[in-house]
Structures are given as C-alpha cells and as structure tokens.
Protein backbone atom coordinates (compact mmCIF):
# COMPACT_ATOMS: atom_id res chain seq x y z
CA MET A 1 -54.66 258.15 217.37
CA SER A 2 -58.38 257.81 218.25
CA ILE A 3 -60.50 259.75 220.94
CA ARG A 4 -60.54 257.10 223.47
CA GLN A 5 -56.74 256.50 222.99
CA GLU A 6 -56.40 259.32 223.67
CA TRP A 7 -58.29 259.41 227.11
CA GLU A 8 -56.60 256.02 227.68
CA ARG A 9 -53.02 257.47 227.51
CA ILE A 10 -54.42 260.79 229.30
CA GLU A 11 -55.70 258.22 231.87
CA LYS A 12 -52.25 256.24 232.49
CA LEU A 13 -50.84 259.70 232.66
CA ILE A 14 -53.00 261.75 235.39
CA LEU A 15 -54.11 258.38 237.42
CA SER A 16 -52.85 257.17 240.93
CA PRO A 17 -50.78 253.95 240.07
CA HIS A 18 -53.58 252.56 241.89
CA ALA A 19 -56.41 252.98 239.86
CA SER A 20 -57.81 251.20 237.10
CA LEU A 21 -57.31 252.01 233.55
CA SER A 22 -59.98 251.50 231.16
CA SER A 23 -56.88 250.25 228.31
CA MET A 24 -56.21 247.39 230.81
CA THR A 25 -59.64 246.10 231.50
CA ALA A 26 -60.24 242.80 232.59
CA GLY A 27 -62.97 242.94 229.70
CA ARG A 28 -66.57 241.57 229.11
CA GLU A 29 -68.16 238.63 228.26
CA VAL A 30 -68.49 238.75 225.04
CA TRP A 31 -65.60 240.92 222.98
CA GLU A 32 -67.08 244.21 221.31
CA GLU A 33 -65.38 246.22 219.29
CA PRO A 34 -63.58 249.53 221.55
CA CYS A 35 -66.02 252.71 220.97
CA SER A 36 -63.96 255.30 218.55
CA VAL A 37 -64.84 257.92 221.20
CA ARG A 38 -65.54 256.04 224.80
CA THR A 39 -63.51 254.45 226.72
CA ASP A 40 -65.15 251.18 228.00
CA PHE A 41 -65.88 252.09 231.56
CA GLN A 42 -67.21 255.44 229.21
CA ARG A 43 -69.16 253.24 227.67
CA ASP A 44 -70.45 251.12 230.49
CA ARG A 45 -71.95 254.28 232.53
CA ASP A 46 -73.85 255.45 228.74
CA ARG A 47 -75.56 251.42 228.64
CA ILE A 48 -76.37 251.87 232.24
CA ILE A 49 -78.02 255.21 232.26
CA HIS A 50 -80.55 253.77 228.35
CA SER A 51 -81.59 251.41 230.23
CA LYS A 52 -85.22 250.15 231.68
CA ALA A 53 -84.09 249.44 234.71
CA PHE A 54 -82.53 252.23 235.51
CA ARG A 55 -85.53 254.63 233.82
CA ARG A 56 -87.69 252.09 236.64
CA LEU A 57 -85.77 253.49 239.90
CA LYS A 58 -87.53 256.77 239.21
CA HIS A 59 -90.79 254.84 240.71
CA LYS A 60 -89.53 252.62 243.73
CA THR A 61 -89.21 253.42 247.01
CA GLN A 62 -85.89 254.62 249.07
CA VAL A 63 -87.39 254.94 252.48
CA PHE A 64 -90.53 256.05 252.17
CA ILE A 65 -93.83 254.24 250.36
CA SER A 66 -95.64 256.42 248.58
CA PRO A 67 -94.92 259.77 250.32
CA GLU A 68 -97.08 262.47 249.89
CA GLY A 69 -94.66 265.24 248.88
CA ASP A 70 -92.29 265.90 245.83
CA HIS A 71 -88.95 266.39 248.00
CA TYR A 72 -88.49 262.58 249.35
CA ARG A 73 -86.40 260.52 247.98
CA THR A 74 -86.79 257.71 245.37
CA ARG A 75 -84.06 254.81 244.28
CA LEU A 76 -83.24 256.88 241.53
CA THR A 77 -82.36 260.00 243.32
CA HIS A 78 -80.74 258.18 245.99
CA THR A 79 -78.54 256.21 242.86
CA LEU A 80 -77.77 260.27 241.58
CA GLU A 81 -76.40 260.75 245.52
CA VAL A 82 -74.05 258.42 245.52
CA ALA A 83 -73.03 258.78 241.82
CA GLN A 84 -72.18 262.18 243.21
CA VAL A 85 -69.80 261.68 246.49
CA ALA A 86 -68.28 258.57 245.08
CA ARG A 87 -67.13 261.21 242.08
CA THR A 88 -66.36 263.45 244.04
CA ILE A 89 -63.78 261.02 246.36
CA SER A 90 -62.60 259.18 243.26
CA ARG A 91 -61.70 262.00 241.70
CA ALA A 92 -59.99 263.24 244.91
CA LEU A 93 -58.28 259.81 245.21
CA LYS A 94 -56.97 260.34 240.95
CA LEU A 95 -58.80 256.93 240.59
CA ASN A 96 -61.21 256.27 237.59
CA GLU A 97 -63.74 258.65 237.57
CA ASP A 98 -66.29 256.58 234.86
CA LEU A 99 -65.50 253.26 236.40
CA THR A 100 -66.82 254.66 239.90
CA GLU A 101 -69.55 256.54 237.92
CA ALA A 102 -70.74 253.47 236.51
CA ILE A 103 -70.32 251.22 239.46
CA ALA A 104 -71.81 254.01 241.16
CA LEU A 105 -75.40 254.07 238.67
CA GLY A 106 -75.82 250.03 238.26
CA HIS A 107 -75.53 249.77 242.24
CA ASP A 108 -79.59 249.52 242.93
CA LEU A 109 -80.38 248.20 239.36
CA GLY A 110 -82.11 245.34 241.10
CA HIS A 111 -83.85 246.57 243.59
CA THR A 112 -87.24 245.96 244.58
CA PRO A 113 -90.19 247.54 244.84
CA PHE A 114 -91.23 249.09 248.01
CA GLY A 115 -87.12 249.24 249.16
CA HIS A 116 -85.49 246.61 251.38
CA THR A 117 -89.80 245.41 252.79
CA GLY A 118 -89.74 244.02 249.11
CA GLU A 119 -86.42 242.64 249.41
CA LYS A 120 -87.54 241.00 252.81
CA VAL A 121 -90.31 239.39 251.56
CA LEU A 122 -89.07 237.95 248.67
CA ASP A 123 -85.14 236.97 250.43
CA GLU A 124 -88.44 235.00 252.71
CA ILE A 125 -90.65 233.28 250.19
CA CYS A 126 -88.14 232.45 247.55
CA SER A 127 -86.10 229.30 248.40
CA PHE A 128 -83.05 230.13 246.67
CA GLY A 129 -83.15 233.75 248.58
CA PHE A 130 -82.80 237.26 247.12
CA ARG A 131 -80.58 240.17 247.81
CA HIS A 132 -80.59 243.16 245.83
CA ARG A 133 -76.90 243.48 244.75
CA GLU A 134 -76.69 239.73 243.53
CA GLN A 135 -80.04 241.34 241.63
CA SER A 136 -78.45 244.40 240.14
CA LEU A 137 -75.90 241.84 238.69
CA ARG A 138 -78.47 239.68 237.34
CA VAL A 139 -80.22 242.61 235.61
CA VAL A 140 -76.74 243.91 233.88
CA GLU A 141 -75.66 240.08 232.87
CA LYS A 142 -79.25 239.14 231.42
CA LEU A 143 -82.74 241.05 232.30
CA GLU A 144 -81.78 244.11 230.68
CA ASN A 145 -82.91 243.63 226.89
CA GLY A 146 -83.13 239.67 227.23
CA ARG A 147 -79.44 239.02 226.94
CA GLY A 148 -77.68 242.16 229.41
CA LEU A 149 -75.34 244.18 228.73
CA ASN A 150 -72.39 242.77 228.62
CA LEU A 151 -70.60 245.50 231.08
CA THR A 152 -67.42 244.64 231.98
CA HIS A 153 -65.73 242.70 234.43
CA GLU A 154 -65.05 245.88 236.87
CA VAL A 155 -68.30 247.75 236.90
CA ARG A 156 -69.62 244.05 237.00
CA ASP A 157 -67.84 242.89 240.12
CA GLY A 158 -68.73 246.79 241.90
CA ILE A 159 -71.59 246.40 241.23
CA LEU A 160 -72.19 242.59 243.13
CA TYR A 161 -70.02 243.86 246.45
CA HIS A 162 -71.37 247.63 246.53
CA SER A 163 -72.79 245.99 250.34
CA GLY A 164 -72.61 242.39 251.78
CA GLY A 165 -69.00 241.05 253.66
CA LYS A 166 -66.74 240.87 250.67
CA SER A 167 -64.89 244.06 249.40
CA ALA A 168 -64.84 244.87 245.55
CA GLN A 169 -61.64 244.22 243.65
CA THR A 170 -60.99 247.98 242.69
CA LEU A 171 -60.75 250.86 245.13
CA GLU A 172 -63.26 252.36 242.40
CA GLY A 173 -65.88 249.69 243.60
CA GLN A 174 -64.92 250.59 247.17
CA ILE A 175 -65.69 253.98 247.32
CA VAL A 176 -68.97 252.95 245.82
CA HIS A 177 -69.54 250.82 249.02
CA PHE A 178 -68.72 254.05 251.28
CA SER A 179 -71.16 256.40 248.86
CA ASP A 180 -73.67 254.10 249.25
CA ARG A 181 -73.72 254.75 253.04
CA ILE A 182 -73.08 258.25 252.72
CA ALA A 183 -75.68 258.87 251.18
CA TYR A 184 -78.48 257.13 252.45
CA ILE A 185 -77.38 257.61 256.27
CA ASN A 186 -77.54 261.35 255.47
CA HIS A 187 -80.73 261.51 252.89
CA ASP A 188 -82.77 259.41 255.16
CA ILE A 189 -82.07 262.08 258.15
CA GLU A 190 -83.64 264.54 256.05
CA ASP A 191 -86.36 262.80 254.49
CA ALA A 192 -87.07 261.80 258.07
CA GLN A 193 -87.06 264.67 259.38
CA ARG A 194 -89.26 266.04 256.77
CA ALA A 195 -91.90 263.60 257.56
CA GLY A 196 -91.82 264.76 261.07
CA ILE A 197 -90.38 260.99 262.33
CA LEU A 198 -87.33 262.46 263.44
CA ASP A 199 -85.78 265.33 265.24
CA GLU A 200 -82.06 266.86 264.39
CA LYS A 201 -81.94 267.07 268.76
CA ALA A 202 -82.55 263.29 268.91
CA LEU A 203 -79.19 262.38 266.40
CA PRO A 204 -76.76 260.91 269.40
CA LYS A 205 -74.74 263.26 270.90
CA SER A 206 -71.00 261.89 269.55
CA CYS A 207 -72.39 261.66 265.86
CA VAL A 208 -73.09 265.45 266.42
CA GLU A 209 -69.77 266.18 267.78
CA ILE A 210 -67.78 264.30 265.62
CA LEU A 211 -69.22 264.28 262.23
CA GLY A 212 -71.49 267.83 262.25
CA SER A 213 -75.01 268.98 263.21
CA SER A 214 -76.33 269.33 259.61
CA LYS A 215 -76.18 266.98 256.73
CA ARG A 216 -73.89 269.20 254.21
CA GLU A 217 -70.91 269.21 257.58
CA ARG A 218 -71.69 265.11 257.83
CA ILE A 219 -71.31 264.21 254.22
CA ASN A 220 -68.15 266.76 253.75
CA THR A 221 -66.52 264.88 257.24
CA MET A 222 -67.16 261.63 255.59
CA ILE A 223 -65.79 262.60 252.25
CA ASN A 224 -62.68 263.96 253.67
CA ASP A 225 -61.73 261.66 255.98
CA ILE A 226 -61.97 258.94 253.47
CA ILE A 227 -60.06 261.06 250.87
CA SER A 228 -57.05 262.42 253.78
CA ASN A 229 -56.93 257.92 255.18
CA SER A 230 -56.60 257.11 251.69
CA TYR A 231 -54.81 259.06 249.26
CA ASP A 232 -51.95 257.65 247.49
CA LYS A 233 -52.58 253.64 249.18
CA ASP A 234 -53.82 250.68 247.72
CA TYR A 235 -57.15 250.54 250.30
CA VAL A 236 -59.87 252.56 250.81
CA LYS A 237 -60.55 253.45 254.56
CA MET A 238 -62.17 255.82 257.44
CA SER A 239 -60.90 256.92 260.27
CA GLU A 240 -61.79 254.76 262.94
CA ASN A 241 -63.49 257.29 264.97
CA VAL A 242 -65.51 258.63 262.01
CA GLN A 243 -66.32 254.54 261.15
CA GLU A 244 -67.41 254.14 263.81
CA GLU A 245 -69.75 257.70 264.74
CA THR A 246 -71.20 256.70 261.24
CA HIS A 247 -71.87 252.94 261.98
CA LYS A 248 -73.57 254.46 265.37
CA LEU A 249 -75.68 256.27 262.93
CA ARG A 250 -76.79 254.13 260.89
CA ASN A 251 -77.49 252.15 263.97
CA PHE A 252 -79.55 254.95 265.44
CA LEU A 253 -81.77 254.69 261.75
CA PHE A 254 -82.63 251.62 262.10
CA GLU A 255 -83.90 251.48 265.58
CA THR A 256 -85.72 255.30 264.39
CA VAL A 257 -86.88 254.96 261.30
CA TYR A 258 -86.45 251.93 259.35
CA VAL A 259 -88.08 248.93 261.82
CA ALA A 260 -89.73 251.46 264.21
CA SER A 261 -91.44 254.30 263.34
CA LYS A 262 -94.76 255.61 261.03
CA ALA A 263 -92.48 255.44 257.90
CA LYS A 264 -93.17 251.52 258.24
CA ILE A 265 -96.81 251.71 258.66
CA GLU A 266 -97.91 250.90 255.33
CA VAL A 267 -95.47 247.28 255.26
CA CYS A 268 -98.09 244.98 256.24
CA LYS A 269 -99.51 246.07 253.10
CA THR A 270 -96.96 246.07 250.99
CA ASP A 271 -95.72 242.47 252.56
CA ASN A 272 -99.16 241.10 251.26
CA ILE A 273 -98.84 242.21 247.86
CA ILE A 274 -95.19 240.87 247.07
CA LYS A 275 -96.81 238.16 248.39
CA ALA A 276 -100.00 237.80 246.65
CA LEU A 277 -98.52 238.52 243.64
CA PHE A 278 -95.95 235.71 244.39
CA ARG A 279 -98.51 233.41 244.49
CA TYR A 280 -100.74 234.42 241.78
CA PHE A 281 -97.77 234.34 238.98
CA SER A 282 -95.94 230.96 240.67
CA SER A 283 -99.99 229.31 240.01
CA ASN A 284 -100.16 231.77 236.34
CA PRO A 285 -96.63 231.64 234.90
CA GLU A 286 -98.85 232.20 231.38
CA GLU A 287 -99.76 235.38 232.55
CA LEU A 288 -96.46 236.83 232.90
CA SER A 289 -95.04 239.08 230.06
CA GLN A 290 -93.75 238.07 227.19
CA GLU A 291 -89.90 238.58 227.44
CA TYR A 292 -90.25 236.67 230.97
CA ARG A 293 -92.23 233.74 230.08
CA LEU A 294 -88.79 233.03 227.14
CA MET A 295 -87.05 232.38 229.96
CA LEU A 296 -88.96 230.41 232.13
CA GLU A 297 -87.74 226.76 230.39
CA ALA A 298 -84.10 227.65 230.92
CA ASP A 299 -84.80 229.33 234.17
CA GLY A 300 -87.63 227.58 236.07
CA LYS A 301 -90.74 228.87 237.09
CA GLU A 302 -89.85 230.46 240.55
CA ARG A 303 -86.70 232.77 239.43
CA VAL A 304 -88.55 234.29 236.73
CA VAL A 305 -91.27 235.20 238.71
CA THR A 306 -88.65 236.64 241.12
CA ASP A 307 -86.96 238.60 238.37
CA TYR A 308 -90.59 239.68 237.06
CA ILE A 309 -91.69 241.20 240.73
CA ALA A 310 -88.22 242.31 241.72
CA GLY A 311 -88.26 244.60 238.58
CA MET A 312 -91.59 246.25 239.25
CA THR A 313 -92.45 249.93 240.63
CA ASP A 314 -93.93 250.55 243.46
CA ARG A 315 -96.84 251.59 241.13
CA TYR A 316 -97.19 248.57 238.74
CA ALA A 317 -97.13 246.35 241.60
CA ILE A 318 -99.84 248.22 243.34
CA SER A 319 -101.82 248.60 239.45
CA THR A 320 -101.18 245.07 239.23
CA PHE A 321 -102.29 243.63 242.66
CA ALA A 322 -105.35 245.66 242.32
CA GLN A 323 -106.38 244.44 238.89
CA LEU A 324 -105.86 240.91 240.35
CA TYR A 325 -107.31 240.77 243.22
CA ILE A 326 -110.14 244.10 243.44
CA PRO A 327 -113.42 243.56 242.09
CA SER A 328 -114.23 246.61 239.48
CA ALA A 329 -116.88 248.80 239.20
CA TRP A 330 -120.17 246.80 237.46
CA GLN A 331 -120.57 249.01 234.43
CA VAL A 332 -124.33 249.10 233.76
CA ASN A 333 -125.42 250.88 230.73
C-alpha cells in the first residue's frame, strides 16, 4: 500500500459521510498516473502554490492601491487568510481539509490588477464581460503554463463558485465561499482603521453586539456559528441572525470604504491605465508576450488581450503604461 493509499484509507475512517473523499474524485480532464505520496487534492494544492499566477498575487491590490505601509493586505495575504479560516471550519466539520485548502488558495488566481476596480473596468470594456471567478478557472484550466494545471473537478468547481449566486457542488467549496467573506470583511475593517478611513466606533451597533467589537471576536463568532449550524449536516450555513449581521457589515463597508472613501481616490487613474492598455494591445497584438501571441489564432484578440491584462500585477500594469504613454528623458552626451 502506497502512502497515498494509506491517506485515502484514513480519510474513509475519520471524515464525515458528507466529506469529499480524494479516492472518489470525479477526476481530471486529462488522466494522470496517481502520485504515490500525495492524494489528488494534495497534489492540486501543491500545483496552485507553485504556479506563477499564485506568486503574482503578492503584487495585486486587495482594497488599497499602492498603500504606503507594509501591513496592508494584498491579494496574496487575503488568499492565505481565506485558506486559514476555511481549513479551520473544514477540520471542525470533519470535511476534506486538503480539498478546502486547494480551492481557497486558487479562488482568486484570476483577479485583475487594482482589485475589484480593475475587474469592473474589464467587465465594462469586454464584449463578453469579466468576472474574476471565471478568470480564475480559466487560469487553472488553460493559461497557467499554456496548458493549465489539470486540476480535479472538485477544485475547479469550488474555484468557479466561490462567489456568485450558485453554490459549489462540494461542502468544501461552500466553506470557501463563507471563508472568503469572513476574511475580507474583517481584514478590510482593520486595514481601513489603519488608514484612518474608518473609526471602529462607527461600525453598526447591532453588528458589534452580535458579532463582536474586535476582528478576533467577529471571526470567532462567524466561524463558530457556521460550525454549530453545519456540523454533521449535508450543507454549510450560518444562523439567520449572524448571516444578517454579516451581510449588514459587508454593506456598511461598501458604503464607507469600497465606494466612498479616500481609498478610492486613485480609482480614476487606474481605470485609465486599464483602458489605455486594452486599447493599445488590441491595436498592437504583436507586442503581447510570446505565450499570449501564440493564443491569438485560437482564442481571438479580445480574449487574449483580456487575459494578458488580467494577469498583470499592479506595478507591471503601471510600468507598462508608463513605458507606452509617458515620455522618457532625452539622453544628451
């Protein structure tokens, strides 16, 4: 018996009847010889961590564009916090922690530079629209390495449905949906307080009373509420009152931080960067990097230009814009 087979045996013994067993995966689009050491879900997690798209998350905006300070979240640190929350819930519910972690680590791989601002602009200018969850799936199915990562069906499904109106097929994927919201609501409050945009005393009174007055208390309340309402069930859910207050807190952030605050002062500038890059590379597709030029015939110019821009980090988008549109100093000997 291989180490992988031993882990598969252990999963059957200790996990909930509602868990997704790695030995029962729906499989990959292209069959591969199983690893002798890792389960299929562990293998997927490792592929995501080692991907270029994952590394680029380090330099992509979460909420604050180019913040002065080392303690603000980036898209990468957000992803790690989502994974931590999701693993805690998954382990408590005796679900498949490896599957949960793989989905969490891959859920934002398709996010644009400049956070949701970049996503909104691409959605406006692309004829087919743009949603980062769909782009994340495209990254793991095709763009990474020019052929995708060939992940299991369960991981791909969880990535695609971590947001939006449809639930993931697995409970592990549903956990990531809740964990994403838990993570960004609470760390965005903390970052907004650090930036002087939000006073903790301004949080809705009912949210503080039910969820807690600190990040630690709120996260603890939300996680424990999910666990107590989902344990040994074939669904993942919050209680009605905690769900309602979580939703209220999210709406409060949209009103005070995401839409109307000094955090968005630079939004018009980043809008113009995305639009200018899209116009330029649509008119000059021959200047795309080689891996993207090779996709033009099969996928079409608009699709490939969108892929190229969505994959950029904030600083690469800014430097490319500067190179294309800002004059360089004339060198005189």
